[in-house]
Protein backbone atom coordinates (compact mmCIF):
# COMPACT_ATOMS: atom_id res chain seq x y z
CA MET A 1 0.00 0.00 0.00
CA LYS A 2 1.34 3.41 -0.96
CA THR A 3 1.92 5.88 1.82
CA GLU A 4 1.58 9.64 1.57
CA LYS A 5 5.39 9.83 1.63
CA ASP A 6 5.66 7.47 -1.38
CA THR A 7 3.11 9.51 -3.31
CA LYS A 8 4.93 12.77 -2.61
CA VAL A 9 8.28 11.34 -3.75
CA MET A 10 6.80 9.97 -6.97
CA LYS A 11 5.02 13.25 -7.65
CA ILE A 12 8.28 15.19 -7.38
CA LEU A 13 10.15 12.69 -9.56
CA SER A 14 7.36 12.71 -12.15
CA GLU A 15 7.53 16.51 -12.37
CA TYR A 16 11.25 16.32 -13.13
CA ALA A 17 10.67 13.49 -15.62
CA GLY A 18 8.40 15.70 -17.72
CA SER A 19 7.27 13.90 -20.88
CA HIS A 20 9.28 10.83 -19.78
CA ARG A 21 7.09 10.22 -16.73
CA HIS A 22 5.09 7.60 -18.63
CA LEU A 23 8.28 5.57 -19.08
CA ILE A 24 8.52 5.25 -15.30
CA THR A 25 4.98 3.85 -15.14
CA LEU A 26 5.60 1.55 -18.10
CA GLY A 27 8.86 0.33 -16.57
CA ARG A 28 7.16 -0.53 -13.29
CA ILE A 29 4.34 -2.37 -15.08
CA LEU A 30 6.80 -4.37 -17.20
CA ALA A 31 8.84 -5.23 -14.10
CA ALA A 32 5.68 -6.57 -12.39
CA VAL A 33 4.77 -8.57 -15.51
CA SER A 34 8.27 -10.05 -15.58
CA ALA A 35 7.85 -11.08 -11.92
CA PHE A 36 4.62 -12.94 -12.69
CA MET A 37 6.19 -14.56 -15.75
CA GLY A 38 9.18 -15.64 -13.68
CA LEU A 39 6.95 -17.53 -11.24
CA VAL A 40 5.24 -19.72 -13.83
CA PRO A 41 8.38 -21.86 -14.47
CA PHE A 42 8.22 -22.92 -10.81
CA TYR A 43 4.79 -24.39 -11.52
CA ASP A 44 6.22 -26.05 -14.65
CA LEU A 45 8.99 -27.53 -12.53
CA TRP A 46 6.37 -29.02 -10.20
CA LYS A 47 4.60 -30.53 -13.21
CA ILE A 48 7.88 -32.09 -14.41
CA ILE A 49 8.47 -33.62 -10.95
CA ARG A 50 4.85 -34.85 -10.86
CA ILE A 51 5.17 -36.53 -14.26
CA ALA A 52 8.40 -38.23 -13.18
CA VAL A 53 7.11 -39.34 -9.76
CA LYS A 54 3.77 -40.68 -10.96
CA ASP A 55 5.24 -42.47 -14.01
CA GLU A 56 3.07 -40.56 -16.44
CA ASP A 57 3.95 -40.06 -20.10
CA LEU A 58 7.60 -38.91 -19.84
CA SER A 59 7.44 -37.41 -23.34
CA LYS A 60 5.39 -34.55 -21.84
CA ILE A 61 8.43 -33.41 -19.84
CA SER A 62 10.12 -31.94 -22.92
CA GLY A 63 7.18 -29.66 -23.76
CA VAL A 64 6.79 -28.44 -20.18
CA ALA A 65 10.56 -27.87 -19.86
CA TRP A 66 10.72 -25.80 -23.04
CA GLN A 67 7.72 -23.80 -21.80
CA ALA A 68 9.62 -23.08 -18.57
CA VAL A 69 12.73 -22.06 -20.50
CA GLY A 70 10.71 -19.81 -22.81
CA LEU A 71 8.97 -18.09 -19.92
CA THR A 72 12.25 -17.63 -18.06
CA VAL A 73 13.89 -16.03 -21.10
CA GLY A 74 10.75 -14.00 -21.75
CA ALA A 75 10.69 -12.75 -18.15
CA LEU A 76 14.33 -11.70 -18.49
CA LEU A 77 13.67 -9.82 -21.75
CA VAL A 78 10.61 -8.08 -20.28
CA TYR A 79 12.66 -7.07 -17.23
CA ILE A 80 15.42 -5.70 -19.51
CA ALA A 81 12.75 -3.66 -21.33
CA ALA A 82 11.53 -2.38 -17.95
CA LEU A 83 15.08 -1.32 -17.02
CA MET A 84 15.49 0.45 -20.36
CA CYS A 85 12.34 2.48 -19.70
CA THR A 86 13.32 3.40 -16.15
CA HIS A 87 16.93 4.19 -17.13
CA ILE A 88 15.86 6.56 -19.90
CA ALA A 89 13.48 8.30 -17.49
CA ALA A 90 16.11 8.32 -14.72
CA PHE A 91 18.71 10.02 -16.91
CA ARG A 92 16.14 12.65 -17.91
CA VAL A 93 15.20 13.23 -14.25
CA GLN A 94 18.84 13.57 -13.23
CA ALA A 95 19.57 15.99 -16.09
CA ASN A 96 16.51 18.12 -15.29
CA MET A 97 17.38 18.17 -11.58
CA ARG A 98 20.95 19.31 -12.25
CA GLN A 99 19.72 21.95 -14.68
CA SER A 100 17.20 23.24 -12.13
CA LEU A 101 19.85 23.33 -9.42
CA MET A 102 22.41 25.09 -11.62
CA ARG A 103 19.84 27.63 -12.84
CA ARG A 104 19.09 28.46 -9.22
CA ILE A 105 22.75 28.40 -8.13
CA ILE A 106 23.82 30.98 -10.74
CA THR A 107 21.13 33.34 -9.42
CA LEU A 108 22.17 33.01 -5.79
CA PRO A 109 24.12 35.72 -4.00
CA LEU A 110 27.84 34.97 -3.89
CA GLY A 111 27.77 35.03 -0.10
CA VAL A 112 25.81 31.77 -0.11
CA PHE A 113 28.93 29.93 -1.24
CA ASP A 114 30.88 31.34 1.69
CA GLU A 115 28.18 30.42 4.20
CA ASP A 116 27.31 26.90 2.96
CA GLY A 117 30.61 26.01 1.30
CA THR A 118 31.10 25.02 -2.31
CA GLY A 119 31.90 21.42 -1.31
CA LYS A 120 28.49 20.92 0.28
CA ILE A 121 26.69 22.44 -2.70
CA ARG A 122 28.76 20.37 -5.15
CA ARG A 123 27.94 17.20 -3.23
CA THR A 124 24.24 17.98 -3.38
CA VAL A 125 24.35 18.64 -7.13
CA ASN A 126 26.34 15.50 -7.89
CA GLU A 127 25.45 12.87 -5.31
CA SER A 128 21.86 13.79 -4.46
CA THR A 129 20.83 13.79 -8.12
CA ALA A 130 22.76 10.52 -8.61
CA ALA A 131 20.75 8.99 -5.75
CA THR A 132 17.47 9.80 -7.54
CA GLU A 133 18.86 8.33 -10.77
CA THR A 134 19.72 5.06 -8.99
CA PHE A 135 16.32 4.98 -7.30
CA ILE A 136 14.35 5.38 -10.54
CA ALA A 137 16.57 3.23 -12.74
CA HIS A 138 17.00 0.26 -10.40
CA ASN A 139 14.99 0.49 -7.19
CA LEU A 140 11.59 1.29 -8.71
CA PRO A 141 11.65 -1.83 -10.94
CA ASP A 142 12.85 -3.86 -7.97
CA LYS A 143 10.02 -2.47 -5.85
CA ALA A 144 7.51 -3.47 -8.56
CA VAL A 145 8.99 -6.98 -8.63
CA ALA A 146 8.98 -7.12 -4.83
CA ALA A 147 5.31 -6.07 -4.78
CA ALA A 148 4.19 -8.46 -7.54
CA THR A 149 6.12 -11.50 -6.36
CA PRO A 150 4.23 -11.98 -3.03
CA ILE A 151 0.91 -11.86 -4.90
CA GLY A 152 2.08 -14.53 -7.31
CA LEU A 153 3.55 -16.53 -4.46
CA LEU A 154 0.27 -16.42 -2.54
CA ILE A 155 -1.45 -17.89 -5.56
CA LEU A 156 1.21 -20.58 -5.99
CA LEU A 157 1.29 -21.40 -2.30
CA ALA A 158 -2.49 -21.72 -2.20
CA VAL A 159 -2.86 -23.76 -5.40
CA PHE A 160 -1.49 -26.96 -3.90
CA ASN A 161 -1.47 -27.53 -0.14
CA TRP A 162 -2.75 -24.28 1.35
CA LYS A 163 -1.92 -25.45 4.86
CA LEU A 164 1.77 -25.86 4.04
CA GLY A 165 1.66 -22.56 2.17
CA LEU A 166 0.23 -20.79 5.21
CA ILE A 167 2.92 -22.26 7.47
CA CYS A 168 5.60 -21.00 5.06
CA LEU A 169 4.16 -17.50 5.27
CA VAL A 170 4.29 -17.31 9.09
CA PRO A 171 8.05 -16.60 9.41
CA ALA A 172 7.87 -14.26 6.40
CA LEU A 173 5.13 -12.19 8.05
CA ILE A 174 7.04 -12.06 11.34
CA GLY A 175 10.18 -10.99 9.43
CA PHE A 176 8.19 -8.30 7.63
CA CYS A 177 7.12 -6.86 10.99
CA PHE A 178 10.74 -6.65 12.12
CA MET A 179 11.67 -5.02 8.81
CA ALA A 180 8.90 -2.43 9.21
CA SER A 181 10.30 -1.53 12.64
CA MET A 182 13.58 -0.52 10.95
CA MET A 183 11.94 1.83 8.44
CA GLY A 184 9.87 4.26 10.44
CA LYS A 185 10.19 8.00 10.95
CA GLY A 186 13.09 7.47 13.32
CA MET A 187 15.10 5.70 10.62
CA GLN A 188 14.46 8.59 8.21
CA GLU A 189 15.91 10.96 10.79
CA LYS A 190 18.88 8.64 11.22
CA MET A 191 19.42 8.65 7.45
CA ALA A 192 19.52 12.47 7.50
CA GLU A 193 22.04 12.34 10.36
CA TYR A 194 24.12 9.86 8.35
CA GLN A 195 24.20 12.15 5.30
CA ASN A 196 25.04 15.15 7.51
CA SER A 197 27.94 13.30 9.09
CA LEU A 198 29.21 12.38 5.61
CA ASP A 199 28.96 16.04 4.55
CA THR A 200 30.94 17.16 7.57
CA MET A 201 33.60 14.49 7.19
CA SER A 202 33.92 15.19 3.45
CA SER A 203 34.31 18.92 4.05
CA GLU A 204 36.91 18.45 6.79
CA ALA A 205 38.77 15.90 4.66
CA THR A 206 39.04 18.49 1.87
CA GLU A 207 40.51 21.02 4.29
CA TYR A 208 42.93 18.41 5.64
CA VAL A 209 44.16 17.50 2.15
CA ARG A 210 44.72 21.18 1.40
CA GLY A 211 46.81 21.41 4.56
CA ILE A 212 48.93 18.32 3.87
CA PRO A 213 52.05 20.40 3.05
CA VAL A 214 51.92 22.02 6.51
CA VAL A 215 51.41 18.63 8.17
CA LYS A 216 54.38 17.12 6.34
CA VAL A 217 56.68 20.11 6.95
CA PHE A 218 56.09 20.05 10.69
CA GLY A 219 55.99 16.27 10.99
CA GLN A 220 52.47 16.24 12.37
CA SER A 221 49.76 13.58 12.07
CA VAL A 222 46.03 13.65 11.54
CA HIS A 223 45.68 14.62 15.21
CA SER A 224 47.04 18.06 14.31
CA PHE A 225 43.79 18.67 12.45
CA ARG A 226 41.45 18.40 15.39
CA ARG A 227 38.28 19.20 13.44
CA PHE A 228 39.01 16.45 10.90
CA LYS A 229 39.75 13.93 13.65
CA ASN A 230 36.61 14.97 15.54
CA ALA A 231 34.56 14.52 12.36
CA ILE A 232 35.94 10.99 11.90
CA ASP A 233 35.39 10.13 15.58
CA SER A 234 31.86 11.51 15.45
CA TYR A 235 31.07 9.48 12.34
CA GLY A 236 32.54 6.34 13.89
CA LYS A 237 30.54 6.84 17.08
CA TRP A 238 27.35 7.44 15.10
CA THR A 239 27.76 4.34 12.92
CA THR A 240 28.53 2.18 15.94
CA GLU A 241 25.45 3.37 17.81
CA TYR A 242 23.32 3.01 14.68
CA THR A 243 24.58 -0.55 14.08
CA LEU A 244 23.97 -1.57 17.69
CA MET A 245 20.47 -0.07 17.54
CA LEU A 246 19.58 -2.16 14.48
CA ARG A 247 21.42 -5.30 15.61
CA LYS A 248 18.49 -7.06 17.28
CA PRO A 249 15.75 -6.28 14.72
CA MET A 250 18.14 -7.13 11.86
CA ILE A 251 19.10 -10.46 13.44
CA ALA A 252 15.42 -11.22 13.99
CA PHE A 253 14.57 -10.27 10.40
CA MET A 254 17.35 -12.40 8.87
CA THR A 255 16.48 -15.31 11.17
CA CYS A 256 12.81 -15.23 10.20
CA ILE A 257 13.24 -14.99 6.44
CA ASN A 258 15.75 -17.84 6.54
CA ALA A 259 13.62 -20.01 8.84
CA VAL A 260 11.06 -20.91 6.19
CA PHE A 261 12.59 -24.38 5.74
CA ALA A 262 12.36 -25.07 9.46
CA PHE A 263 8.64 -24.23 9.44
CA LEU A 264 8.18 -26.26 6.26
CA VAL A 265 9.82 -29.33 7.82
CA LEU A 266 7.69 -28.90 10.94
CA GLY A 267 4.52 -28.59 8.84
CA ALA A 268 5.39 -31.62 6.73
CA PHE A 269 6.04 -33.65 9.89
CA ILE A 270 2.64 -32.66 11.34
CA PHE A 271 0.62 -33.29 8.16
CA ALA A 272 2.39 -36.58 7.37
CA ARG A 273 1.20 -38.30 10.56
CA GLY A 274 -1.65 -39.90 8.66
CA GLY A 275 0.79 -41.38 6.18
CA VAL A 276 3.07 -40.20 3.42
CA THR A 277 1.51 -40.02 -0.02
CA ASN A 278 2.93 -39.15 -3.42
CA ASP A 279 0.89 -35.93 -3.40
CA MET A 280 2.38 -34.98 -0.02
CA ILE A 281 5.90 -35.61 -1.34
CA LEU A 282 5.17 -33.49 -4.42
CA ASP A 283 3.81 -30.63 -2.32
CA VAL A 284 6.81 -30.66 0.04
CA ILE A 285 9.27 -30.75 -2.88
CA TYR A 286 7.37 -27.91 -4.54
CA TYR A 287 7.47 -25.73 -1.43
CA ILE A 288 11.15 -26.48 -0.92
CA ILE A 289 11.75 -25.11 -4.42
CA VAL A 290 9.47 -22.08 -4.29
CA THR A 291 9.84 -20.75 -0.72
CA PRO A 292 13.38 -19.30 -1.21
CA LEU A 293 11.61 -16.69 -3.31
CA LEU A 294 10.11 -15.36 -0.07
CA THR A 295 13.58 -14.68 1.29
CA VAL A 296 14.69 -12.95 -1.92
CA THR A 297 11.49 -10.88 -2.08
CA LEU A 298 11.68 -9.64 1.50
CA THR A 299 15.36 -8.77 1.04
CA LYS A 300 14.47 -6.70 -2.04
CA ILE A 301 11.74 -4.92 -0.10
CA ALA A 302 14.22 -4.13 2.69
CA TYR A 303 16.80 -2.67 0.28
CA SER A 304 14.18 -0.73 -1.67
CA GLY A 305 12.99 0.81 1.61
CA GLU A 306 16.53 1.92 2.42
CA ALA A 307 16.92 3.36 -1.09
CA GLU A 308 13.69 5.30 -0.66
CA MET A 309 14.98 6.86 2.58
CA VAL A 310 18.14 7.91 0.73
CA VAL A 311 16.18 9.53 -2.09
CA ILE A 312 13.86 11.34 0.35
CA ASP A 313 16.91 12.81 2.07
CA ALA A 314 18.41 13.71 -1.33
CA LEU A 315 15.23 15.55 -2.36
CA LYS A 316 15.25 17.48 0.92
CA ARG A 317 18.84 18.60 0.34
CA MET A 318 17.99 19.71 -3.18
CA GLU A 319 14.97 21.57 -1.87
CA ASN A 320 17.20 23.37 0.64
CA ILE A 321 19.19 24.83 -2.27
CA LEU A 322 16.14 25.55 -4.42
CA SER A 323 14.46 27.31 -1.47
CA ILE A 324 17.29 29.85 -1.16
CA GLU A 325 15.93 33.04 -2.60
CA PRO A 326 18.07 34.87 -5.16
CA LEU A 327 18.77 38.55 -4.71
CA THR A 328 15.67 40.46 -5.66
CA ASP A 329 15.67 43.53 -7.82
CA GLY A 330 14.31 46.71 -6.29
CA GLN A 331 10.92 48.17 -7.04
CA LYS A 332 12.60 50.70 -9.31
CA THR A 333 15.66 50.66 -11.51
CA GLU A 334 18.48 53.09 -10.75
CA ASN A 335 21.84 53.66 -12.42
CA PRO A 336 24.91 55.07 -10.63
CA LYS A 337 25.69 58.73 -11.39
CA ASP A 338 29.37 58.40 -10.43
CA ASN A 339 31.78 56.06 -8.65
CA SER A 340 31.11 57.13 -5.08
CA VAL A 341 30.18 54.56 -2.42
CA GLU A 342 28.23 55.23 0.75
CA LEU A 343 27.22 52.90 3.56
CA LYS A 344 24.30 54.21 5.61
CA ASN A 345 23.79 52.62 9.02
CA VAL A 346 24.66 49.18 7.56
CA SER A 347 24.31 46.04 9.68
CA TYR A 348 24.55 42.40 8.64
CA LYS A 349 24.06 39.07 10.41
CA TYR A 350 25.10 35.77 8.84
CA LYS A 351 22.62 32.92 8.61
CA ASP A 352 22.11 31.20 11.98
CA ALA A 353 24.59 33.60 13.65
CA ALA A 354 23.80 34.99 17.09
CA GLU A 355 25.71 38.26 16.66
CA TYR A 356 25.95 40.83 13.87
CA ALA A 357 29.08 40.56 11.71
CA VAL A 358 28.94 44.33 11.13
CA LYS A 359 26.65 46.86 12.74
CA GLY A 360 25.84 50.52 12.30
CA LEU A 361 28.47 51.23 9.61
CA ASN A 362 28.49 54.73 8.16
CA ILE A 363 31.22 55.17 5.54
CA ARG A 364 31.40 57.73 2.74
CA ILE A 365 33.85 57.17 -0.15
CA GLY A 366 34.04 59.88 -2.77
CA SER A 367 34.41 59.12 -6.46
CA GLY A 368 38.07 58.27 -7.17
CA GLU A 369 39.05 58.08 -3.49
CA HIS A 370 41.21 55.29 -2.10
CA ILE A 371 40.22 54.04 1.35
CA ALA A 372 41.44 51.17 3.50
CA LEU A 373 39.67 48.85 5.92
CA VAL A 374 42.00 47.61 8.66
CA GLY A 375 41.63 46.07 12.08
CA PRO A 376 41.89 42.82 14.02
CA SER A 377 40.85 39.55 12.37
CA GLY A 378 37.12 38.97 12.59
CA GLY A 379 36.40 42.68 12.72
CA GLY A 380 34.12 42.63 9.65
CA LYS A 381 36.45 43.97 6.94
CA THR A 382 35.77 41.30 4.30
CA THR A 383 32.06 41.25 5.15
CA THR A 384 31.89 45.00 4.56
CA ALA A 385 33.62 44.71 1.19
CA GLU A 386 31.37 41.81 0.13
CA LEU A 387 28.29 43.82 1.07
CA VAL A 388 29.44 46.60 -1.28
CA ALA A 389 29.73 44.04 -4.10
CA ARG A 390 26.31 42.68 -3.03
CA PHE A 391 27.46 39.18 -2.23
CA PHE A 392 24.41 39.32 0.02
CA ASP A 393 21.93 42.00 1.03
CA VAL A 394 22.31 44.06 4.17
CA THR A 395 20.17 43.12 7.15
CA GLU A 396 19.65 46.78 8.02
CA GLY A 397 20.55 50.08 6.35
CA SER A 398 21.50 50.67 2.72
CA ILE A 399 24.53 50.89 0.42
CA MET A 400 24.63 53.50 -2.33
CA ILE A 401 26.82 53.55 -5.42
CA GLY A 402 26.71 56.81 -7.30
CA GLY A 403 23.62 57.80 -5.33
CA ALA A 404 21.73 54.63 -6.32
CA ASP A 405 20.78 51.89 -3.86
CA ILE A 406 22.63 48.75 -4.99
CA ARG A 407 19.39 46.78 -4.52
CA ASN A 408 17.88 48.90 -7.31
CA ILE A 409 20.86 48.53 -9.64
CA PRO A 410 20.45 45.61 -12.10
CA GLN A 411 22.89 42.78 -11.34
CA ASP A 412 24.68 43.04 -14.70
CA GLU A 413 25.12 46.79 -14.27
CA LEU A 414 26.41 46.37 -10.70
CA MET A 415 28.95 43.75 -11.80
CA ARG A 416 30.17 46.09 -14.57
CA ASN A 417 30.82 48.75 -11.95
CA VAL A 418 32.63 46.63 -9.34
CA SER A 419 35.77 44.46 -9.58
CA PHE A 420 37.00 42.24 -6.76
CA VAL A 421 40.57 40.94 -6.36
CA PHE A 422 40.62 38.23 -3.68
CA GLN A 423 43.56 37.26 -1.49
CA ASP A 424 43.16 33.67 -2.75
CA SER A 425 43.10 34.10 -6.51
CA LYS A 426 40.91 31.73 -8.50
CA LEU A 427 42.22 30.45 -11.83
CA LEU A 428 40.51 27.79 -13.92
CA LYS A 429 42.28 24.87 -15.55
CA THR A 430 42.33 26.47 -18.97
CA SER A 431 44.63 28.81 -20.88
CA ILE A 432 45.95 32.10 -19.49
CA PHE A 433 44.10 33.80 -22.34
CA GLU A 434 40.73 32.29 -21.35
CA ASN A 435 41.34 32.94 -17.65
CA VAL A 436 41.92 36.65 -18.26
CA ARG A 437 39.12 36.91 -20.81
CA LEU A 438 36.57 35.75 -18.22
CA ALA A 439 36.32 39.43 -17.26
CA ARG A 440 35.23 40.40 -20.78
CA PRO A 441 34.32 37.48 -23.06
CA ASP A 442 34.30 39.64 -26.20
CA ALA A 443 37.91 40.78 -25.68
CA GLY A 444 40.47 39.96 -28.37
CA GLU A 445 44.01 38.67 -27.98
CA ALA A 446 45.50 42.18 -28.22
CA ASP A 447 43.26 43.39 -25.36
CA VAL A 448 44.30 40.45 -23.19
CA VAL A 449 48.02 41.02 -23.86
CA LYS A 450 47.62 44.71 -23.00
CA ALA A 451 45.96 43.80 -19.69
CA LEU A 452 48.73 41.31 -18.92
CA GLU A 453 51.34 43.97 -19.59
CA ALA A 454 49.62 46.42 -17.26
CA ALA A 455 49.50 43.71 -14.56
CA GLN A 456 53.27 43.08 -14.81
CA CYS A 457 52.71 39.55 -16.17
CA MET A 458 54.91 39.45 -19.26
CA ASP A 459 57.82 37.79 -17.43
CA ILE A 460 55.39 34.98 -16.58
CA ILE A 461 54.15 34.70 -20.16
CA ASP A 462 57.67 34.65 -21.60
CA ASN A 463 58.53 31.58 -19.50
CA LEU A 464 55.46 29.59 -20.55
CA PRO A 465 55.76 27.07 -23.41
CA ASN A 466 52.76 28.38 -25.37
CA GLY A 467 52.62 31.96 -24.10
CA ILE A 468 49.14 33.20 -23.25
CA HIS A 469 47.65 30.00 -24.71
CA THR A 470 49.40 27.79 -22.14
CA VAL A 471 46.90 25.75 -20.14
CA ILE A 472 47.46 26.00 -16.38
CA GLY A 473 48.12 22.58 -14.87
CA GLU A 474 48.87 20.90 -18.19
CA LYS A 475 52.18 19.02 -18.54
CA GLY A 476 53.41 20.25 -15.17
CA THR A 477 52.82 23.95 -15.87
CA TYR A 478 51.90 25.63 -12.60
CA LEU A 479 52.07 29.18 -11.27
CA SER A 480 53.13 30.39 -7.84
CA GLY A 481 50.69 32.21 -5.57
CA GLY A 482 52.10 35.61 -6.52
CA GLU A 483 52.02 34.78 -10.24
CA GLN A 484 48.42 33.64 -9.99
CA GLN A 485 47.60 36.89 -8.22
CA ARG A 486 49.07 38.94 -11.06
CA ILE A 487 47.01 36.97 -13.59
CA SER A 488 43.87 37.70 -11.58
CA ILE A 489 44.84 41.38 -11.50
CA ALA A 490 45.14 41.28 -15.30
CA ARG A 491 41.59 39.99 -15.35
CA ALA A 492 40.49 43.00 -13.29
CA VAL A 493 42.47 45.34 -15.58
CA LEU A 494 40.63 43.94 -18.60
CA LYS A 495 37.28 44.40 -16.89
CA ASN A 496 38.20 48.02 -16.07
CA ALA A 497 35.39 48.53 -13.55
CA PRO A 498 35.33 51.99 -11.94
CA ILE A 499 35.11 50.59 -8.37
CA LEU A 500 37.84 48.24 -7.21
CA ILE A 501 37.81 46.09 -4.05
CA LEU A 502 41.16 44.58 -2.98
CA ASP A 503 40.93 41.90 -0.29
CA GLU A 504 44.48 41.25 0.96
CA ALA A 505 45.69 41.18 -2.64
CA THR A 506 49.36 40.82 -1.66
CA ALA A 507 48.86 38.33 1.17
CA PHE A 508 50.46 35.31 -0.51
CA ALA A 509 53.12 37.04 -2.62
CA ASP A 510 56.83 36.53 -2.05
CA PRO A 511 59.07 39.66 -1.91
CA ASP A 512 59.87 39.61 -5.64
CA ASN A 513 56.25 39.03 -6.63
CA GLU A 514 55.00 41.55 -4.07
CA THR A 515 56.87 44.37 -5.79
CA LYS A 516 55.32 43.46 -9.13
CA VAL A 517 51.88 42.93 -7.61
CA GLN A 518 52.08 46.37 -6.01
CA ALA A 519 53.07 47.90 -9.35
CA ALA A 520 50.19 46.07 -11.04
CA LEU A 521 47.73 47.24 -8.39
CA SER A 522 48.95 50.84 -8.73
CA GLU A 523 48.26 50.68 -12.47
CA LEU A 524 44.90 49.02 -11.88
CA ALA A 525 43.78 51.53 -9.22
CA ARG A 526 44.58 54.63 -11.28
CA GLY A 527 41.44 56.78 -11.59
CA LYS A 528 39.24 54.32 -9.73
CA THR A 529 37.42 54.26 -6.41
CA VAL A 530 39.36 51.75 -4.33
CA ILE A 531 38.38 49.86 -1.17
CA MET A 532 41.44 48.07 0.18
CA ILE A 533 41.51 45.45 2.93
CA ALA A 534 45.02 45.06 4.31
CA HIS A 535 46.96 43.63 7.22
CA ARG A 536 50.27 44.97 5.86
CA LEU A 537 49.74 48.50 7.10
CA SER A 538 52.62 49.88 5.04
CA THR A 539 50.35 49.55 1.97
CA VAL A 540 47.63 51.86 3.34
CA VAL A 541 49.60 54.88 4.62
CA ASN A 542 48.86 56.92 1.47
CA CYS A 543 45.11 56.18 1.39
CA ASP A 544 42.70 59.12 1.48
CA SER A 545 40.95 57.58 4.51
CA ILE A 546 41.52 54.59 6.77
CA TYR A 547 38.66 52.93 8.65
CA VAL A 548 39.57 50.75 11.64
CA LEU A 549 36.99 47.99 12.21
CA LYS A 550 36.73 46.11 15.48
CA ASP A 551 33.89 43.73 16.43
CA GLY A 552 31.93 44.85 13.35
CA CYS A 553 32.05 48.58 14.18
CA VAL A 554 34.17 51.52 12.99
CA CYS A 555 36.15 52.49 16.06
CA GLU A 556 38.52 54.97 14.32
CA SER A 557 38.78 56.70 10.96
CA GLY A 558 40.95 59.29 9.24
CA THR A 559 44.26 59.62 7.43
CA HIS A 560 47.37 57.77 8.54
CA GLU A 561 48.81 60.89 10.19
CA LYS A 562 45.57 61.66 12.03
CA LEU A 563 45.18 58.13 13.32
CA MET A 564 48.78 58.02 14.51
CA GLN A 565 48.22 61.24 16.44
CA GLN A 566 45.15 59.75 18.14
CA ASN A 567 47.40 57.00 19.56
CA GLY A 568 44.54 54.53 19.50
CA LEU A 569 44.08 51.03 18.08
CA TYR A 570 45.50 51.93 14.66
CA ALA A 571 48.65 53.43 16.15
CA GLN A 572 49.10 50.35 18.31
CA MET A 573 48.62 48.05 15.29
CA PHE A 574 51.07 50.09 13.20
CA GLU A 575 53.76 49.92 15.89
CA GLU A 576 53.29 46.15 16.20
CA TYR A 577 53.45 45.83 12.41
CA ASN A 578 56.74 47.75 12.32
CA ARG A 579 58.18 45.55 15.06
CA SER A 580 57.21 42.44 13.07
CA VAL A 581 58.82 43.86 9.91
CA ASN A 582 62.07 44.64 11.72
CA TRP A 583 62.14 41.35 13.61
CA LYS A 584 65.29 39.31 13.13
CA VAL A 585 66.38 35.86 14.15
CA GLY A 586 68.85 36.04 17.06
CA ALA A 587 72.37 34.70 16.77
């Protein structure tokens, strides 16, 4: 009997299947037909035994045997046809799901990927959709077979000696009750916990792999990555508890479905007290042959139930992504009048966070001005910069670019006005030319070369085997962190947006690369409004204004000279920075 949960799952899958939904229905029907066809040869086998035992015309055996062979082959062919139908529908469902997810993902604010993590989203797109494909292609036909087989078995068991048939069903029914106890609401919650623990362990494993060089350099073990070890320990503890919880019902289930022979022997012993007849022998032999199907059928039902819990969890994870609302356009369309930026009483709180990341920010940046955001780690510098680029919308207040609220500026127009150079530059595994041209897809080779020259990248290009057409990562061609940063700056040069946000752009550059990166940034920043996030305070001394952020608030602001005179947090940070620069290893 279908439950409301089953109906809801099939409704969602049918919507994604579109015009292929009928193939799912046809596949399930064909699978059920193949199950019925596959049971008839067992009856034919009984007839062959009956002919042999009762010394009837042995020439009839050949005809019955060929009938059994034909039905067996026919059942196999029908089942293959069922799998073809469900596989075609499954591939369509998986494709449509991935398309729906990707269409939604490209509309999401960029801050979502910081909050949820790209690894978690990637796993949902790949593995959750794959789970639905497996469910439709394989588990639905198996469920149809598992549903049809007991009906056919009931008929077969009742055709001959119904008393023996009823005895054979007793352990199967008891086993079914134990199986049902392992597939309730509690098990669905456990399946969600299992997937969550896998997500956590997968995410921490990725971070651990990225940190392998540090581990090897300092001779540490996995214990040096406490979060990764805790994730493994937590997963191990969960699986142990889960296994122990299911141990008794699973033992009872397996015992029952494999105890059919014991009940059959007991039944035969009871009913044979009045004497053993040829018909009794035939019935016992028949039930010995046919009852293993009960074990196979119940096992299929158990696995199909587990697969359904997996697909329900997968659909929930997909729905979590699809339910994230993209950034909405304002009620009216505005275009910036100039390159000024203004934050008016801006506050922002991350999803599920207890405290505001930034609160009450009031910052005014004139067109063409260069300002810096500095302060202790966790003060809200990167969050502030990301809010200006509208990685997510402010919780309170407003941000204006050129007098226009960024929520009223069309997304394409906003992206044309703002460039972002991250501290961890992102390059794709393609040519230098294509990596730079991401900023402006219609740019020609001459435009790309000009941008590379402005970003101080020609020494990099000259050392590459195929120049700007060299593919990064191909045949051992890799770039250092500073070189990658210069390539990303060339991308920003080509885009030529009037507002530039630099988030620790020189953080990973070595001394030689830092000089060139600074020269590239100076060329890039010429004539633009610049918001710079920096821990190297020597890079911000010439800014028009410096804003010191602590605990999400602006605690000081002004020029370098003014802030030094105030002898506050900035002055303290600058003195500590100078001490770190002049630090030397003792003899």
